[in-house]
C-alpha atoms as a PDB file:
ATOM      1  CA  MET A   1      -5.993  -0.818 -11.384  1.00  0.00           C
ATOM      2  CA  LEU A   2      -6.667  -1.066  -7.677  1.00  0.00           C
ATOM      3  CA  GLY A   3      -5.997  -4.327  -5.864  1.00  0.00           C
ATOM      4  CA  ALA A   4      -7.159  -5.904  -2.673  1.00  0.00           C
ATOM      5  CA  LYS A   5      -5.161  -8.491  -0.789  1.00  0.00           C
ATOM      6  CA  VAL A   6      -6.977 -11.015   1.326  1.00  0.00           C
ATOM      7  CA  THR A   7      -5.048 -13.105   3.844  1.00  0.00           C
ATOM      8  CA  VAL A   8      -6.675 -16.167   5.364  1.00  0.00           C
ATOM      9  CA  LEU A   9      -5.238 -17.966   8.360  1.00  0.00           C
ATOM     10  CA  VAL A  10      -6.772 -21.419   8.093  1.00  0.00           C
ATOM     11  CA  GLY A  11      -8.893 -22.310  11.108  1.00  0.00           C
ATOM     12  CA  VAL A  12      -8.388 -18.968  12.853  1.00  0.00           C
ATOM     13  CA  PRO A  13     -10.910 -16.104  12.904  1.00  0.00           C
ATOM     14  CA  VAL A  14      -9.517 -12.887  11.449  1.00  0.00           C
ATOM     15  CA  ILE A  15     -10.767  -9.498  12.703  1.00  0.00           C
ATOM     16  CA  ASP A  16     -11.326  -6.317  10.630  1.00  0.00           C
ATOM     17  CA  GLU A  17      -7.713  -5.150  10.441  1.00  0.00           C
ATOM     18  CA  GLY A  18      -6.531  -8.570   9.294  1.00  0.00           C
ATOM     19  CA  THR A  19      -5.031  -9.426  12.684  1.00  0.00           C
ATOM     20  CA  PRO A  20      -5.720 -12.970  13.837  1.00  0.00           C
ATOM     21  CA  ALA A  21      -7.855 -13.205  16.963  1.00  0.00           C
ATOM     22  CA  SER A  22      -5.465 -15.888  18.190  1.00  0.00           C
ATOM     23  CA  VAL A  23      -2.188 -17.078  16.779  1.00  0.00           C
ATOM     24  CA  GLY A  24      -0.852 -20.630  16.848  1.00  0.00           C
ATOM     25  CA  ALA A  25       2.632 -21.852  16.036  1.00  0.00           C
ATOM     26  CA  SER A  26       1.658 -24.046  13.089  1.00  0.00           C
ATOM     27  CA  LEU A  27      -0.958 -22.069  11.170  1.00  0.00           C
ATOM     28  CA  MET A  28      -1.103 -22.430   7.428  1.00  0.00           C
ATOM     29  CA  LYS A  29      -1.218 -19.016   5.754  1.00  0.00           C
ATOM     30  CA  VAL A  30      -3.020 -18.777   2.417  1.00  0.00           C
ATOM     31  CA  THR A  31      -2.827 -15.547   0.437  1.00  0.00           C
ATOM     32  CA  LEU A  32      -5.302 -14.724  -2.300  1.00  0.00           C
ATOM     33  CA  THR A  33      -4.958 -11.601  -4.405  1.00  0.00           C
ATOM     34  CA  VAL A  34      -8.063 -10.170  -6.031  1.00  0.00           C
ATOM     35  CA  GLU A  35      -7.647  -7.433  -8.610  1.00  0.00           C
ATOM     36  CA  VAL A  36     -10.556  -5.288  -9.666  1.00  0.00           C
ATOM     37  CA  ALA A  37     -10.534  -2.692 -12.444  1.00  0.00           C
ATOM     38  CA  VAL A  38     -13.080   0.114 -12.325  1.00  0.00           C
ATOM     39  CA  PRO A  39     -13.363   3.265 -14.410  1.00  0.00           C
ATOM     40  CA  VAL A  40     -12.541   6.492 -12.586  1.00  0.00           C
ATOM     41  CA  GLU A  41     -14.349   9.182 -14.500  1.00  0.00           C
ATOM     42  CA  ASP A  42     -14.263  12.075 -12.024  1.00  0.00           C
ATOM     43  CA  PRO A  43     -11.349  14.383 -13.003  1.00  0.00           C
ATOM     44  CA  GLY A  44     -10.608  15.251  -9.357  1.00  0.00           C
ATOM     45  CA  LEU A  45     -10.370  11.596  -8.350  1.00  0.00           C
ATOM     46  CA  ARG A  46      -8.245  10.793 -11.395  1.00  0.00           C
ATOM     47  CA  ALA A  47      -5.858  13.610 -10.469  1.00  0.00           C
ATOM     48  CA  ARG A  48      -5.659  12.364  -6.874  1.00  0.00           C
ATOM     49  CA  LEU A  49      -4.926   8.788  -7.974  1.00  0.00           C
ATOM     50  CA  ASP A  50      -2.252  10.085 -10.355  1.00  0.00           C
ATOM     51  CA  GLU A  51      -0.712  12.103  -7.507  1.00  0.00           C
ATOM     52  CA  ILE A  52      -0.649   9.037  -5.231  1.00  0.00           C
ATOM     53  CA  LEU A  53       1.023   6.917  -7.918  1.00  0.00           C
ATOM     54  CA  GLN A  54       3.607   9.601  -8.749  1.00  0.00           C
ATOM     55  CA  VAL A  55       4.550  10.061  -5.085  1.00  0.00           C
ATOM     56  CA  THR A  56       4.660   6.308  -4.462  1.00  0.00           C
ATOM     57  CA  PHE A  57       6.910   5.604  -7.448  1.00  0.00           C
ATOM     58  CA  ALA A  58       9.204   8.532  -6.559  1.00  0.00           C
ATOM     59  CA  ASP A  59       9.786   7.241  -3.002  1.00  0.00           C
ATOM     60  CA  ASP A  60      13.447   6.480  -2.405  1.00  0.00           C
ATOM     61  CA  VAL A  61      13.381   6.422   1.396  1.00  0.00           C
ATOM     62  CA  LEU A  62      11.061   3.479   2.072  1.00  0.00           C
ATOM     63  CA  SER A  63      11.353   1.586  -1.238  1.00  0.00           C
ATOM     64  CA  TRP A  64      12.886  -1.821  -1.752  1.00  0.00           C
ATOM     65  CA  GLU A  65      13.628  -3.686  -4.980  1.00  0.00           C
ATOM     66  CA  LEU A  66      13.086  -7.388  -5.620  1.00  0.00           C
ATOM     67  CA  ARG A  67      16.275  -8.923  -7.007  1.00  0.00           C
ATOM     68  CA  PRO A  68      16.280 -11.746  -9.580  1.00  0.00           C
ATOM     69  CA  ASP A  69      17.474 -14.157  -6.866  1.00  0.00           C
ATOM     70  CA  GLY A  70      14.325 -13.463  -4.828  1.00  0.00           C
ATOM     71  CA  GLY A  71      16.080 -11.317  -2.231  1.00  0.00           C
ATOM     72  CA  TRP A  72      15.383  -7.663  -1.524  1.00  0.00           C
ATOM     73  CA  SER A  73      17.649  -4.614  -1.808  1.00  0.00           C
ATOM     74  CA  LYS A  74      17.008  -1.168  -0.372  1.00  0.00           C
ATOM     75  CA  ILE A  75      16.668   1.489  -3.078  1.00  0.00           C
ATOM     76  CA  ALA A  76      19.425   4.107  -2.751  1.00  0.00           C
ATOM     77  CA  THR A  77      18.183   7.344  -1.224  1.00  0.00           C
ATOM     78  CA  VAL A  78      18.930  10.105  -3.735  1.00  0.00           C
ATOM     79  CA  ASN A  79      16.111  12.658  -3.428  1.00  0.00           C
ATOM     80  CA  GLY A  80      14.992  11.752   0.076  1.00  0.00           C
ATOM     81  CA  LEU A  81      11.315  11.461  -0.842  1.00  0.00           C
ATOM     82  CA  ASP A  82       9.376   9.505   1.800  1.00  0.00           C
ATOM     83  CA  ALA A  83       5.999   8.601   0.266  1.00  0.00           C
ATOM     84  CA  GLN A  84       4.286   8.098   3.617  1.00  0.00           C
ATOM     85  CA  GLU A  85       5.372  11.498   4.966  1.00  0.00           C
ATOM     86  CA  THR A  86       4.586  13.213   1.661  1.00  0.00           C
ATOM     87  CA  LEU A  87       1.100  11.692   1.358  1.00  0.00           C
ATOM     88  CA  MET A  88       0.318  12.528   5.012  1.00  0.00           C
ATOM     89  CA  GLY A  89       1.406  16.124   4.385  1.00  0.00           C
ATOM     90  CA  LEU A  90      -0.771  16.373   1.276  1.00  0.00           C
ATOM     91  CA  ALA A  91      -3.766  14.941   3.161  1.00  0.00           C
ATOM     92  CA  THR A  92      -3.249  17.385   6.035  1.00  0.00           C
ATOM     93  CA  ALA A  93      -3.046  20.314   3.607  1.00  0.00           C
ATOM     94  CA  ARG A  94      -6.264  19.201   1.872  1.00  0.00           C
ATOM     95  CA  ALA A  95      -8.038  18.855   5.224  1.00  0.00           C
ATOM     96  CA  LYS A  96      -7.003  22.407   6.215  1.00  0.00           C
ATOM     97  CA  GLU A  97      -8.182  23.773   2.853  1.00  0.00           C
ATOM     98  CA  ALA A  98     -11.569  22.087   3.296  1.00  0.00           C
ATOM     99  CA  ARG A  99     -12.274  23.990   6.545  1.00  0.00           C
END
């Protein structure tokens, strides 16, 4: 399932990237999460989504864990897998192959 997160700053215009055009000290922030499920029938796309999920869940460099008390703890780095670096490397390799 893919999700989209929409953030609305009440009374303030929000530009494309989600950055407020102007920021005030007492803005009320409202967050609405919309989840949409769509079938992914193309085998290549399914494989790519699976790869993204596997890399993301294996990340132990950038990952944090939500504790029962509501606080956050950094996941211990064991394998040193950085999902952002790994996914950028995979994208770069695919772009070079496509040339």
